[in-house]
Amino acid sequence: MGNLSLVTIVIIAANVIISFKGLNDYGFFERYKFNVGSIKRGEQIRMFSSGFLHVDTMHLFFNMFTLYFFADVVIAYLGSLNFIIVYVASLILGSLLSLYFHKDEYYYSAVGASGAVTGVLYSAILLEPNMGLYMFFVPIPIPGYIFGIGYLLYSIYGMKNRIGNIGHDAHFGGAVGGYIVTLMLAPWLFETNLLFVGLLAVPILILFVMHKTGKL
């Protein structure tokens, strides 16, 4: 973890350039952010462009720092082209899930690469489920699959209780995108990591059941 391939540099550079353009140009930011009302009026480009805008430099740094740590794992297993597919698919699925859960909230807006980055994170965990991840205030590494499951369960909790000014649904949708696309690109995981494939699907199934039973 933590290497910088050319494709990772390009994606980080695109996020930095477009984000700073948005931070210094209010009209640009408003034109390309995720907004339910605007998307429903036909501006679907916002579902993609919003993934390269950020509310401030800390928001941008956190997302790019996370991408920096996990991109090389996905690239090592799947290659650069497939990494881009995982990234873009996760970004779009994150936006789609946000649109679905906020379809009646025409004022709802969001920005950030979190959906795409969470998809890359979940893809990396699926490929290396036992990787050790360190959390603040936790002195020992947490196995990747435990972190992944816990993170999505927290996202469900956040979605249900509207915790913070955070796009929990975009994070969840991005993770689902990373999960599905990675399995499509690396079907051998069903043979080598079947247990972890099943475990990482648990939060996704919980979300589906909660939604179907009206609890979310």
C-alpha atoms as a PDB file:
ATOM      1  CA  MET A   1       0.000   0.000   0.000  1.00  0.00           C
ATOM      2  CA  GLY A   2       1.068   3.571  -0.586  1.00  0.00           C
ATOM      3  CA  ASN A   3       2.692   3.504  -4.026  1.00  0.00           C
ATOM      4  CA  LEU A   4       1.827   6.017  -6.725  1.00  0.00           C
ATOM      5  CA  SER A   5       1.194   4.596 -10.197  1.00  0.00           C
ATOM      6  CA  LEU A   6       0.646   6.905 -13.158  1.00  0.00           C
ATOM      7  CA  VAL A   7      -3.112   6.298 -13.171  1.00  0.00           C
ATOM      8  CA  THR A   8      -3.341   7.150  -9.460  1.00  0.00           C
ATOM      9  CA  ILE A   9      -1.367  10.350 -10.028  1.00  0.00           C
ATOM     10  CA  VAL A  10      -3.714  11.336 -12.871  1.00  0.00           C
ATOM     11  CA  ILE A  11      -6.845  10.734 -10.767  1.00  0.00           C
ATOM     12  CA  ILE A  12      -5.418  12.633  -7.775  1.00  0.00           C
ATOM     13  CA  ALA A  13      -4.335  15.492 -10.052  1.00  0.00           C
ATOM     14  CA  ALA A  14      -7.817  15.665 -11.614  1.00  0.00           C
ATOM     15  CA  ASN A  15      -9.405  15.821  -8.166  1.00  0.00           C
ATOM     16  CA  VAL A  16      -7.003  18.526  -6.977  1.00  0.00           C
ATOM     17  CA  ILE A  17      -7.361  20.716 -10.101  1.00  0.00           C
ATOM     18  CA  ILE A  18     -11.153  20.460 -10.326  1.00  0.00           C
ATOM     19  CA  SER A  19     -11.639  20.829  -6.568  1.00  0.00           C
ATOM     20  CA  PHE A  20      -9.532  23.990  -6.390  1.00  0.00           C
ATOM     21  CA  LYS A  21     -11.383  25.356  -9.406  1.00  0.00           C
ATOM     22  CA  GLY A  22     -14.640  24.760  -7.520  1.00  0.00           C
ATOM     23  CA  LEU A  23     -13.320  26.244  -4.283  1.00  0.00           C
ATOM     24  CA  ASN A  24     -12.360  29.444  -6.104  1.00  0.00           C
ATOM     25  CA  ASP A  25     -15.304  29.632  -8.500  1.00  0.00           C
ATOM     26  CA  TYR A  26     -18.713  29.455  -6.828  1.00  0.00           C
ATOM     27  CA  GLY A  27     -20.542  29.319 -10.163  1.00  0.00           C
ATOM     28  CA  PHE A  28     -18.451  26.340 -11.297  1.00  0.00           C
ATOM     29  CA  PHE A  29     -19.032  24.554  -7.996  1.00  0.00           C
ATOM     30  CA  GLU A  30     -22.800  25.097  -8.174  1.00  0.00           C
ATOM     31  CA  ARG A  31     -22.941  24.011 -11.809  1.00  0.00           C
ATOM     32  CA  TYR A  32     -21.262  20.640 -11.278  1.00  0.00           C
ATOM     33  CA  LYS A  33     -22.148  19.544  -7.727  1.00  0.00           C
ATOM     34  CA  PHE A  34     -24.581  16.685  -7.094  1.00  0.00           C
ATOM     35  CA  ASN A  35     -28.068  18.154  -6.775  1.00  0.00           C
ATOM     36  CA  VAL A  36     -31.219  16.060  -6.984  1.00  0.00           C
ATOM     37  CA  GLY A  37     -33.396  18.768  -8.510  1.00  0.00           C
ATOM     38  CA  SER A  38     -30.879  19.573 -11.233  1.00  0.00           C
ATOM     39  CA  ILE A  39     -30.253  15.914 -12.047  1.00  0.00           C
ATOM     40  CA  LYS A  40     -33.978  15.302 -12.390  1.00  0.00           C
ATOM     41  CA  ARG A  41     -34.099  18.218 -14.816  1.00  0.00           C
ATOM     42  CA  GLY A  42     -31.632  16.383 -17.041  1.00  0.00           C
ATOM     43  CA  GLU A  43     -28.197  17.402 -15.764  1.00  0.00           C
ATOM     44  CA  GLN A  44     -26.928  13.839 -15.286  1.00  0.00           C
ATOM     45  CA  ILE A  45     -23.312  14.993 -15.703  1.00  0.00           C
ATOM     46  CA  ARG A  46     -23.505  16.106 -12.068  1.00  0.00           C
ATOM     47  CA  MET A  47     -23.571  12.452 -10.979  1.00  0.00           C
ATOM     48  CA  PHE A  48     -20.034  12.163 -12.326  1.00  0.00           C
ATOM     49  CA  SER A  49     -18.597  15.674 -12.004  1.00  0.00           C
ATOM     50  CA  SER A  50     -19.554  15.966  -8.316  1.00  0.00           C
ATOM     51  CA  GLY A  51     -17.067  13.178  -7.582  1.00  0.00           C
ATOM     52  CA  PHE A  52     -14.196  15.560  -8.391  1.00  0.00           C
ATOM     53  CA  LEU A  53     -15.383  18.472  -6.242  1.00  0.00           C
ATOM     54  CA  HIS A  54     -14.767  18.864  -2.499  1.00  0.00           C
ATOM     55  CA  VAL A  55     -16.078  21.225   0.164  1.00  0.00           C
ATOM     56  CA  ASP A  56     -12.606  22.144   1.464  1.00  0.00           C
ATOM     57  CA  THR A  57      -8.945  21.137   1.386  1.00  0.00           C
ATOM     58  CA  MET A  58      -9.277  18.717   4.339  1.00  0.00           C
ATOM     59  CA  HIS A  59     -12.118  16.885   2.594  1.00  0.00           C
ATOM     60  CA  LEU A  60      -9.951  16.636  -0.529  1.00  0.00           C
ATOM     61  CA  PHE A  61      -6.848  15.568   1.402  1.00  0.00           C
ATOM     62  CA  PHE A  62      -8.616  12.812   3.336  1.00  0.00           C
ATOM     63  CA  ASN A  63     -10.098  11.278   0.181  1.00  0.00           C
ATOM     64  CA  MET A  64      -6.859  11.455  -1.797  1.00  0.00           C
ATOM     65  CA  PHE A  65      -4.812  10.161   1.141  1.00  0.00           C
ATOM     66  CA  THR A  66      -7.110   7.117   1.380  1.00  0.00           C
ATOM     67  CA  LEU A  67      -6.922   6.588  -2.387  1.00  0.00           C
ATOM     68  CA  TYR A  68      -3.125   6.785  -2.226  1.00  0.00           C
ATOM     69  CA  PHE A  69      -2.986   3.952   0.308  1.00  0.00           C
ATOM     70  CA  PHE A  70      -5.306   1.494  -1.424  1.00  0.00           C
ATOM     71  CA  ALA A  71      -5.103   2.162  -5.161  1.00  0.00           C
ATOM     72  CA  ASP A  72      -1.913   0.165  -5.664  1.00  0.00           C
ATOM     73  CA  VAL A  73      -3.488  -2.984  -4.153  1.00  0.00           C
ATOM     74  CA  VAL A  74      -6.271  -2.919  -6.746  1.00  0.00           C
ATOM     75  CA  ILE A  75      -3.862  -2.049  -9.573  1.00  0.00           C
ATOM     76  CA  ALA A  76      -1.497  -4.875  -8.569  1.00  0.00           C
ATOM     77  CA  TYR A  77      -4.277  -7.460  -8.836  1.00  0.00           C
ATOM     78  CA  LEU A  78      -6.476  -6.064 -11.608  1.00  0.00           C
ATOM     79  CA  GLY A  79      -4.285  -3.732 -13.671  1.00  0.00           C
ATOM     80  CA  SER A  80      -4.594  -0.007 -14.364  1.00  0.00           C
ATOM     81  CA  LEU A  81      -7.513  -0.166 -16.821  1.00  0.00           C
ATOM     82  CA  ASN A  82      -9.628  -2.295 -14.504  1.00  0.00           C
ATOM     83  CA  PHE A  83      -8.726  -0.010 -11.606  1.00  0.00           C
ATOM     84  CA  ILE A  84     -10.210   2.898 -13.556  1.00  0.00           C
ATOM     85  CA  ILE A  85     -13.341   0.809 -14.168  1.00  0.00           C
ATOM     86  CA  VAL A  86     -13.645   0.104 -10.438  1.00  0.00           C
ATOM     87  CA  TYR A  87     -13.134   3.793  -9.611  1.00  0.00           C
ATOM     88  CA  VAL A  88     -15.668   5.147 -12.118  1.00  0.00           C
ATOM     89  CA  ALA A  89     -18.264   2.435 -11.436  1.00  0.00           C
ATOM     90  CA  SER A  90     -18.022   3.080  -7.691  1.00  0.00           C
ATOM     91  CA  LEU A  91     -18.394   6.824  -8.225  1.00  0.00           C
ATOM     92  CA  ILE A  92     -21.504   6.352 -10.384  1.00  0.00           C
ATOM     93  CA  LEU A  93     -23.104   3.726  -8.135  1.00  0.00           C
ATOM     94  CA  GLY A  94     -22.520   5.964  -5.128  1.00  0.00           C
ATOM     95  CA  SER A  95     -24.341   8.784  -6.918  1.00  0.00           C
ATOM     96  CA  LEU A  96     -27.142   6.456  -8.005  1.00  0.00           C
ATOM     97  CA  LEU A  97     -27.757   5.250  -4.458  1.00  0.00           C
ATOM     98  CA  SER A  98     -27.763   8.853  -3.206  1.00  0.00           C
ATOM     99  CA  LEU A  99     -30.255   9.785  -5.913  1.00  0.00           C
ATOM    100  CA  TYR A 100     -32.444   6.825  -5.000  1.00  0.00           C
ATOM    101  CA  PHE A 101     -32.569   7.602  -1.274  1.00  0.00           C
ATOM    102  CA  HIS A 102     -32.968  11.360  -1.774  1.00  0.00           C
ATOM    103  CA  LYS A 103     -35.128  11.319  -4.921  1.00  0.00           C
ATOM    104  CA  ASP A 104     -37.849  13.398  -3.279  1.00  0.00           C
ATOM    105  CA  GLU A 105     -35.445  15.916  -1.713  1.00  0.00           C
ATOM    106  CA  TYR A 106     -34.929  18.285  -4.642  1.00  0.00           C
ATOM    107  CA  TYR A 107     -32.668  20.531  -2.555  1.00  0.00           C
ATOM    108  CA  TYR A 108     -30.268  17.690  -1.580  1.00  0.00           C
ATOM    109  CA  SER A 109     -26.681  18.367  -2.703  1.00  0.00           C
ATOM    110  CA  ALA A 110     -23.371  16.602  -2.229  1.00  0.00           C
ATOM    111  CA  VAL A 111     -19.779  16.574  -3.489  1.00  0.00           C
ATOM    112  CA  GLY A 112     -16.691  14.453  -2.998  1.00  0.00           C
ATOM    113  CA  ALA A 113     -14.769  11.445  -4.257  1.00  0.00           C
ATOM    114  CA  SER A 114     -15.818   9.416  -1.201  1.00  0.00           C
ATOM    115  CA  GLY A 115     -18.016   6.992  -3.171  1.00  0.00           C
ATOM    116  CA  ALA A 116     -15.254   6.202  -5.659  1.00  0.00           C
ATOM    117  CA  VAL A 117     -12.588   5.989  -2.950  1.00  0.00           C
ATOM    118  CA  THR A 118     -14.745   3.738  -0.765  1.00  0.00           C
ATOM    119  CA  GLY A 119     -15.235   1.481  -3.792  1.00  0.00           C
ATOM    120  CA  VAL A 120     -11.459   1.233  -4.223  1.00  0.00           C
ATOM    121  CA  LEU A 121     -11.074   0.542  -0.493  1.00  0.00           C
ATOM    122  CA  TYR A 122     -13.700  -2.223  -0.561  1.00  0.00           C
ATOM    123  CA  SER A 123     -12.139  -3.683  -3.711  1.00  0.00           C
ATOM    124  CA  ALA A 124      -8.722  -3.768  -2.019  1.00  0.00           C
ATOM    125  CA  ILE A 125     -10.213  -5.470   1.046  1.00  0.00           C
ATOM    126  CA  LEU A 126     -11.923  -8.051  -1.159  1.00  0.00           C
ATOM    127  CA  LEU A 127      -8.619  -8.780  -2.892  1.00  0.00           C
ATOM    128  CA  GLU A 128      -6.600  -8.825   0.354  1.00  0.00           C
ATOM    129  CA  PRO A 129      -9.134  -9.443   3.150  1.00  0.00           C
ATOM    130  CA  ASN A 130      -6.511  -9.989   5.826  1.00  0.00           C
ATOM    131  CA  MET A 131      -4.575  -6.778   5.212  1.00  0.00           C
ATOM    132  CA  GLY A 132      -3.933  -4.938   8.459  1.00  0.00           C
ATOM    133  CA  LEU A 133      -5.564  -1.526   8.788  1.00  0.00           C
ATOM    134  CA  TYR A 134      -4.730   0.893  11.572  1.00  0.00           C
ATOM    135  CA  MET A 135      -7.388   3.136  13.102  1.00  0.00           C
ATOM    136  CA  PHE A 136      -6.914   6.210  15.272  1.00  0.00           C
ATOM    137  CA  PHE A 137      -6.486   5.307  18.955  1.00  0.00           C
ATOM    138  CA  VAL A 138      -6.319   1.563  18.117  1.00  0.00           C
ATOM    139  CA  PRO A 139      -2.729   0.331  18.632  1.00  0.00           C
ATOM    140  CA  ILE A 140      -3.128  -2.969  16.769  1.00  0.00           C
ATOM    141  CA  PRO A 141      -3.999  -3.592  13.103  1.00  0.00           C
ATOM    142  CA  ILE A 142      -7.610  -4.493  12.265  1.00  0.00           C
ATOM    143  CA  PRO A 143      -8.133  -7.173   9.571  1.00  0.00           C
ATOM    144  CA  GLY A 144      -9.429  -5.529   6.408  1.00  0.00           C
ATOM    145  CA  TYR A 145     -12.594  -7.602   6.163  1.00  0.00           C
ATOM    146  CA  ILE A 146     -13.627  -6.670   9.728  1.00  0.00           C
ATOM    147  CA  PHE A 147     -13.036  -2.994   8.982  1.00  0.00           C
ATOM    148  CA  GLY A 148     -15.019  -3.279   5.731  1.00  0.00           C
ATOM    149  CA  ILE A 149     -18.007  -4.938   7.378  1.00  0.00           C
ATOM    150  CA  GLY A 150     -17.943  -2.516  10.305  1.00  0.00           C
ATOM    151  CA  TYR A 151     -17.658   0.508   8.035  1.00  0.00           C
ATOM    152  CA  LEU A 152     -20.711  -0.466   5.974  1.00  0.00           C
ATOM    153  CA  LEU A 153     -22.751  -1.293   9.070  1.00  0.00           C
ATOM    154  CA  TYR A 154     -21.905   2.178  10.364  1.00  0.00           C
ATOM    155  CA  SER A 155     -22.915   3.614   6.983  1.00  0.00           C
ATOM    156  CA  ILE A 156     -26.324   1.937   7.314  1.00  0.00           C
ATOM    157  CA  TYR A 157     -26.653   3.409  10.803  1.00  0.00           C
ATOM    158  CA  GLY A 158     -25.647   6.811   9.457  1.00  0.00           C
ATOM    159  CA  MET A 159     -28.154   6.577   6.599  1.00  0.00           C
ATOM    160  CA  LYS A 160     -30.972   5.608   8.939  1.00  0.00           C
ATOM    161  CA  ASN A 161     -30.241   8.309  11.505  1.00  0.00           C
ATOM    162  CA  ARG A 162     -28.962  11.057   9.181  1.00  0.00           C
ATOM    163  CA  ILE A 163     -25.732  11.371  11.184  1.00  0.00           C
ATOM    164  CA  GLY A 164     -23.537  14.337  10.321  1.00  0.00           C
ATOM    165  CA  ASN A 165     -23.147  16.172   7.048  1.00  0.00           C
ATOM    166  CA  ILE A 166     -21.862  12.984   5.435  1.00  0.00           C
ATOM    167  CA  GLY A 167     -23.049  11.146   2.316  1.00  0.00           C
ATOM    168  CA  HIS A 168     -23.341   7.728   3.933  1.00  0.00           C
ATOM    169  CA  ASP A 169     -25.458   6.470   1.031  1.00  0.00           C
ATOM    170  CA  ALA A 170     -22.763   7.487  -1.490  1.00  0.00           C
ATOM    171  CA  HIS A 171     -20.150   5.670   0.604  1.00  0.00           C
ATOM    172  CA  PHE A 172     -22.316   2.564   0.725  1.00  0.00           C
ATOM    173  CA  GLY A 173     -23.137   2.716  -2.987  1.00  0.00           C
ATOM    174  CA  GLY A 174     -19.452   3.140  -3.799  1.00  0.00           C
ATOM    175  CA  ALA A 175     -18.537   0.111  -1.700  1.00  0.00           C
ATOM    176  CA  VAL A 176     -21.208  -1.966  -3.455  1.00  0.00           C
ATOM    177  CA  GLY A 177     -19.810  -0.802  -6.792  1.00  0.00           C
ATOM    178  CA  GLY A 178     -16.289  -1.808  -5.788  1.00  0.00           C
ATOM    179  CA  TYR A 179     -17.554  -5.167  -4.520  1.00  0.00           C
ATOM    180  CA  ILE A 180     -19.597  -6.084  -7.600  1.00  0.00           C
ATOM    181  CA  VAL A 181     -17.143  -4.862 -10.230  1.00  0.00           C
ATOM    182  CA  THR A 182     -14.179  -6.523  -8.511  1.00  0.00           C
ATOM    183  CA  LEU A 183     -15.992  -9.871  -8.481  1.00  0.00           C
ATOM    184  CA  MET A 184     -16.857  -9.430 -12.162  1.00  0.00           C
ATOM    185  CA  LEU A 185     -13.236  -8.679 -13.014  1.00  0.00           C
ATOM    186  CA  ALA A 186     -11.742 -11.298 -10.677  1.00  0.00           C
ATOM    187  CA  PRO A 187     -14.180 -14.249 -10.538  1.00  0.00           C
ATOM    188  CA  TRP A 188     -11.353 -16.400  -9.176  1.00  0.00           C
ATOM    189  CA  LEU A 189     -12.092 -14.784  -5.805  1.00  0.00           C
ATOM    190  CA  PHE A 190     -15.087 -17.119  -5.514  1.00  0.00           C
ATOM    191  CA  GLU A 191     -12.576 -19.966  -5.306  1.00  0.00           C
ATOM    192  CA  THR A 192      -9.757 -18.416  -3.305  1.00  0.00           C
ATOM    193  CA  ASN A 193     -11.648 -16.030  -0.974  1.00  0.00           C
ATOM    194  CA  LEU A 194     -15.188 -17.417  -0.918  1.00  0.00           C
ATOM    195  CA  LEU A 195     -15.621 -17.001   2.844  1.00  0.00           C
ATOM    196  CA  PHE A 196     -14.629 -13.333   2.695  1.00  0.00           C
ATOM    197  CA  VAL A 197     -16.762 -12.762  -0.395  1.00  0.00           C
ATOM    198  CA  GLY A 198     -19.719 -13.974   1.672  1.00  0.00           C
ATOM    199  CA  LEU A 199     -18.812 -12.029   4.804  1.00  0.00           C
ATOM    200  CA  LEU A 200     -18.349  -8.757   2.911  1.00  0.00           C
ATOM    201  CA  ALA A 201     -21.775  -9.246   1.325  1.00  0.00           C
ATOM    202  CA  VAL A 202     -23.506  -9.312   4.730  1.00  0.00           C
ATOM    203  CA  PRO A 203     -23.929  -5.505   5.133  1.00  0.00           C
ATOM    204  CA  ILE A 204     -25.243  -5.285   1.558  1.00  0.00           C
ATOM    205  CA  LEU A 205     -27.875  -7.920   2.321  1.00  0.00           C
ATOM    206  CA  ILE A 206     -28.773  -6.170   5.582  1.00  0.00           C
ATOM    207  CA  LEU A 207     -29.348  -2.893   3.716  1.00  0.00           C
ATOM    208  CA  PHE A 208     -31.540  -4.677   1.147  1.00  0.00           C
ATOM    209  CA  VAL A 209     -33.644  -6.377   3.834  1.00  0.00           C
ATOM    210  CA  MET A 210     -34.002  -3.200   5.874  1.00  0.00           C
ATOM    211  CA  HIS A 211     -35.122  -1.290   2.817  1.00  0.00           C
ATOM    212  CA  LYS A 212     -37.596  -3.959   1.750  1.00  0.00           C
ATOM    213  CA  THR A 213     -39.103  -4.142   5.237  1.00  0.00           C
ATOM    214  CA  GLY A 214     -39.427  -0.362   5.468  1.00  0.00           C
ATOM    215  CA  LYS A 215     -36.839   0.045   8.231  1.00  0.00           C
ATOM    216  CA  LEU A 216     -34.650   2.337   6.146  1.00  0.00           C
END
